[in-house]
Amino acid sequence: MLRIGLVGCGAIATSIVNAQLKGIINSKVVALYDRHMEKAEKLGELVGAQVCHSIEELVSKDLDLVIECASIQAVEEVATKALEN
């Protein structure tokens, strides 16, 4: 089972969480980060995922995959930090 971290907790992340809950994907969202902490906390409660306070904290977790679900402006920052880890 893939251990996933999500950066950005809007519509895309919600779809991924829902797919996990319905058993559509064989994965577990284990870490979440969003600049708006309340969004991460809401999704985290649904799946029991840890809410991280930074991208650096999220990518330091034992993850198989980091999915950037934030804005197009966040892609470079997220990808760089994920690949450096």
N, C-alpha and C. Protein backbone atom coordinates (compact mmCIF):
# COMPACT_ATOMS: atom_id res chain seq x y z
N MET A 1 0.85 -1.18 0.00
CA MET A 1 0.00 0.00 0.00
C MET A 1 0.90 1.24 0.00
N LEU A 2 0.62 2.16 -0.92
CA LEU A 2 1.38 3.40 -1.00
C LEU A 2 1.04 4.32 0.16
N ARG A 3 2.09 4.93 0.72
CA ARG A 3 1.93 5.94 1.77
C ARG A 3 2.08 7.30 1.08
N ILE A 4 1.01 8.09 1.12
CA ILE A 4 0.94 9.33 0.35
C ILE A 4 0.93 10.56 1.25
N GLY A 5 1.62 11.60 0.79
CA GLY A 5 1.54 12.92 1.40
C GLY A 5 0.91 13.87 0.39
N LEU A 6 -0.02 14.68 0.85
CA LEU A 6 -0.70 15.64 -0.02
C LEU A 6 -0.32 17.06 0.37
N VAL A 7 0.07 17.85 -0.61
CA VAL A 7 0.34 19.27 -0.41
C VAL A 7 -0.78 20.03 -1.10
N GLY A 8 -1.56 20.74 -0.31
CA GLY A 8 -2.75 21.41 -0.81
C GLY A 8 -3.95 20.54 -0.48
N CYS A 9 -4.93 21.10 0.17
CA CYS A 9 -6.07 20.30 0.65
C CYS A 9 -7.41 20.82 0.13
N GLY A 10 -7.45 21.12 -1.15
CA GLY A 10 -8.67 21.57 -1.79
C GLY A 10 -9.38 20.44 -2.50
N ALA A 11 -9.91 20.73 -3.67
CA ALA A 11 -10.74 19.77 -4.42
C ALA A 11 -9.99 18.52 -4.85
N ILE A 12 -8.77 18.66 -5.32
CA ILE A 12 -8.01 17.49 -5.79
C ILE A 12 -7.68 16.58 -4.61
N ALA A 13 -7.19 17.14 -3.53
CA ALA A 13 -6.86 16.33 -2.36
C ALA A 13 -8.11 15.66 -1.80
N THR A 14 -9.22 16.37 -1.79
CA THR A 14 -10.47 15.79 -1.31
C THR A 14 -10.88 14.60 -2.16
N SER A 15 -10.69 14.69 -3.48
CA SER A 15 -10.99 13.58 -4.37
C SER A 15 -10.11 12.37 -4.07
N ILE A 16 -8.85 12.61 -3.80
CA ILE A 16 -7.93 11.51 -3.47
C ILE A 16 -8.33 10.86 -2.15
N VAL A 17 -8.65 11.67 -1.15
CA VAL A 17 -9.10 11.14 0.15
C VAL A 17 -10.37 10.33 -0.02
N ASN A 18 -11.31 10.84 -0.79
CA ASN A 18 -12.57 10.10 -1.02
C ASN A 18 -12.32 8.78 -1.74
N ALA A 19 -11.40 8.77 -2.69
CA ALA A 19 -11.07 7.53 -3.39
C ALA A 19 -10.46 6.51 -2.43
N GLN A 20 -9.65 6.99 -1.51
CA GLN A 20 -9.09 6.09 -0.49
C GLN A 20 -10.19 5.53 0.39
N LEU A 21 -11.07 6.39 0.85
CA LEU A 21 -12.14 5.97 1.75
C LEU A 21 -13.08 4.96 1.08
N LYS A 22 -13.28 5.10 -0.22
CA LYS A 22 -14.16 4.19 -0.96
C LYS A 22 -13.44 2.93 -1.43
N GLY A 23 -12.14 2.84 -1.18
CA GLY A 23 -11.38 1.67 -1.60
C GLY A 23 -11.05 1.64 -3.07
N ILE A 24 -11.17 2.77 -3.74
CA ILE A 24 -10.90 2.84 -5.18
C ILE A 24 -9.39 2.78 -5.44
N ILE A 25 -8.62 3.37 -4.55
CA ILE A 25 -7.16 3.32 -4.69
C ILE A 25 -6.57 2.60 -3.48
N ASN A 26 -5.53 1.83 -3.73
CA ASN A 26 -4.87 1.08 -2.67
C ASN A 26 -3.73 1.94 -2.11
N SER A 27 -4.11 2.90 -1.30
CA SER A 27 -3.13 3.81 -0.73
C SER A 27 -3.64 4.31 0.61
N LYS A 28 -2.74 4.99 1.32
CA LYS A 28 -3.13 5.60 2.58
C LYS A 28 -2.53 6.99 2.63
N VAL A 29 -3.37 7.99 2.74
CA VAL A 29 -2.89 9.36 2.94
C VAL A 29 -2.44 9.44 4.39
N VAL A 30 -1.15 9.67 4.59
CA VAL A 30 -0.60 9.68 5.95
C VAL A 30 -0.15 11.06 6.41
N ALA A 31 0.00 12.00 5.47
CA ALA A 31 0.45 13.34 5.84
C ALA A 31 -0.19 14.36 4.90
N LEU A 32 -0.53 15.51 5.48
CA LEU A 32 -1.20 16.59 4.74
C LEU A 32 -0.57 17.93 5.10
N TYR A 33 -0.51 18.82 4.12
CA TYR A 33 -0.10 20.20 4.39
C TYR A 33 -0.92 21.13 3.53
N ASP A 34 -1.35 22.22 4.12
CA ASP A 34 -2.01 23.31 3.40
C ASP A 34 -1.69 24.59 4.15
N ARG A 35 -1.50 25.67 3.43
CA ARG A 35 -1.26 26.96 4.08
C ARG A 35 -2.42 27.35 4.99
N HIS A 36 -3.60 26.87 4.63
CA HIS A 36 -4.79 27.10 5.46
C HIS A 36 -4.98 25.85 6.31
N MET A 37 -4.45 25.88 7.50
CA MET A 37 -4.36 24.71 8.37
C MET A 37 -5.70 24.02 8.59
N GLU A 38 -6.77 24.80 8.62
CA GLU A 38 -8.09 24.20 8.87
C GLU A 38 -8.49 23.23 7.76
N LYS A 39 -8.06 23.47 6.53
CA LYS A 39 -8.35 22.55 5.43
C LYS A 39 -7.62 21.22 5.64
N ALA A 40 -6.37 21.29 6.04
CA ALA A 40 -5.60 20.07 6.30
C ALA A 40 -6.18 19.31 7.48
N GLU A 41 -6.57 20.03 8.50
CA GLU A 41 -7.13 19.37 9.69
C GLU A 41 -8.43 18.64 9.35
N LYS A 42 -9.25 19.25 8.51
CA LYS A 42 -10.53 18.62 8.13
C LYS A 42 -10.29 17.31 7.39
N LEU A 43 -9.40 17.31 6.40
CA LEU A 43 -9.11 16.08 5.67
C LEU A 43 -8.37 15.07 6.56
N GLY A 44 -7.50 15.58 7.40
CA GLY A 44 -6.76 14.70 8.29
C GLY A 44 -7.66 13.91 9.22
N GLU A 45 -8.71 14.54 9.69
CA GLU A 45 -9.67 13.84 10.55
C GLU A 45 -10.37 12.71 9.82
N LEU A 46 -10.63 12.89 8.53
CA LEU A 46 -11.33 11.86 7.75
C LEU A 46 -10.51 10.59 7.60
N VAL A 47 -9.20 10.72 7.46
CA VAL A 47 -8.36 9.55 7.18
C VAL A 47 -7.32 9.26 8.24
N GLY A 48 -7.30 10.03 9.30
CA GLY A 48 -6.32 9.81 10.35
C GLY A 48 -4.90 10.17 9.95
N ALA A 49 -4.77 11.14 9.06
CA ALA A 49 -3.45 11.56 8.59
C ALA A 49 -2.88 12.64 9.48
N GLN A 50 -1.56 12.70 9.53
CA GLN A 50 -0.88 13.74 10.30
C GLN A 50 -0.93 15.05 9.53
N VAL A 51 -1.25 16.12 10.21
CA VAL A 51 -1.24 17.46 9.62
C VAL A 51 0.14 18.05 9.87
N CYS A 52 0.80 18.44 8.81
CA CYS A 52 2.14 19.02 8.90
C CYS A 52 2.05 20.54 8.83
N HIS A 53 3.04 21.20 9.41
CA HIS A 53 3.04 22.66 9.47
C HIS A 53 3.91 23.29 8.39
N SER A 54 4.55 22.46 7.55
CA SER A 54 5.35 22.98 6.45
C SER A 54 5.53 21.87 5.41
N ILE A 55 5.94 22.28 4.23
CA ILE A 55 6.25 21.30 3.19
C ILE A 55 7.45 20.47 3.62
N GLU A 56 8.42 21.13 4.25
CA GLU A 56 9.62 20.42 4.70
C GLU A 56 9.26 19.31 5.68
N GLU A 57 8.36 19.60 6.60
CA GLU A 57 7.93 18.58 7.56
C GLU A 57 7.25 17.42 6.83
N LEU A 58 6.40 17.72 5.87
CA LEU A 58 5.70 16.67 5.14
C LEU A 58 6.67 15.77 4.38
N VAL A 59 7.61 16.36 3.65
CA VAL A 59 8.52 15.53 2.84
C VAL A 59 9.52 14.77 3.69
N SER A 60 9.65 15.11 4.96
CA SER A 60 10.56 14.37 5.85
C SER A 60 9.92 13.08 6.37
N LYS A 61 8.63 12.89 6.12
CA LYS A 61 7.93 11.69 6.57
C LYS A 61 8.29 10.49 5.69
N ASP A 62 7.98 9.31 6.18
CA ASP A 62 8.21 8.07 5.42
C ASP A 62 7.09 7.91 4.40
N LEU A 63 7.29 8.50 3.22
CA LEU A 63 6.26 8.51 2.17
C LEU A 63 6.77 7.82 0.92
N ASP A 64 5.86 7.20 0.20
CA ASP A 64 6.19 6.64 -1.11
C ASP A 64 5.95 7.66 -2.21
N LEU A 65 5.05 8.60 -1.95
CA LEU A 65 4.62 9.53 -2.99
C LEU A 65 4.15 10.83 -2.36
N VAL A 66 4.57 11.95 -2.95
CA VAL A 66 4.06 13.27 -2.57
C VAL A 66 3.27 13.78 -3.77
N ILE A 67 2.02 14.14 -3.52
CA ILE A 67 1.18 14.67 -4.59
C ILE A 67 0.95 16.15 -4.34
N GLU A 68 1.30 16.95 -5.33
CA GLU A 68 1.10 18.40 -5.25
C GLU A 68 -0.32 18.68 -5.73
N CYS A 69 -1.16 19.08 -4.81
CA CYS A 69 -2.57 19.37 -5.11
C CYS A 69 -2.88 20.85 -4.93
N ALA A 70 -1.84 21.65 -4.84
CA ALA A 70 -2.02 23.08 -4.62
C ALA A 70 -2.06 23.80 -5.97
N SER A 71 -1.69 25.04 -5.98
CA SER A 71 -1.74 25.86 -7.19
C SER A 71 -0.55 25.59 -8.09
N ILE A 72 -0.67 26.02 -9.32
CA ILE A 72 0.42 25.89 -10.29
C ILE A 72 1.67 26.62 -9.79
N GLN A 73 1.49 27.65 -9.02
CA GLN A 73 2.62 28.40 -8.48
C GLN A 73 3.42 27.58 -7.45
N ALA A 74 2.80 26.58 -6.85
CA ALA A 74 3.45 25.77 -5.81
C ALA A 74 4.27 24.62 -6.38
N VAL A 75 4.11 24.32 -7.64
CA VAL A 75 4.73 23.12 -8.23
C VAL A 75 6.24 23.11 -8.03
N GLU A 76 6.92 24.17 -8.40
CA GLU A 76 8.38 24.19 -8.32
C GLU A 76 8.86 24.01 -6.88
N GLU A 77 8.25 24.72 -5.95
CA GLU A 77 8.67 24.62 -4.54
C GLU A 77 8.45 23.21 -4.00
N VAL A 78 7.28 22.66 -4.26
CA VAL A 78 6.96 21.33 -3.74
C VAL A 78 7.86 20.28 -4.38
N ALA A 79 7.99 20.32 -5.69
CA ALA A 79 8.81 19.32 -6.39
C ALA A 79 10.26 19.39 -5.94
N THR A 80 10.79 20.56 -5.81
CA THR A 80 12.19 20.72 -5.40
C THR A 80 12.40 20.12 -4.00
N LYS A 81 11.53 20.46 -3.07
CA LYS A 81 11.70 19.96 -1.70
C LYS A 81 11.46 18.46 -1.62
N ALA A 82 10.53 17.95 -2.37
CA ALA A 82 10.27 16.52 -2.35
C ALA A 82 11.44 15.74 -2.94
N LEU A 83 12.00 16.24 -4.04
CA LEU A 83 13.10 15.52 -4.67
C LEU A 83 14.41 15.65 -3.90
N GLU A 84 14.57 16.72 -3.15
CA GLU A 84 15.77 16.88 -2.33
C GLU A 84 15.77 15.93 -1.14
N ASN A 85 14.58 15.50 -0.74
CA ASN A 85 14.50 14.62 0.42
C ASN A 85 14.69 13.23 -0.06
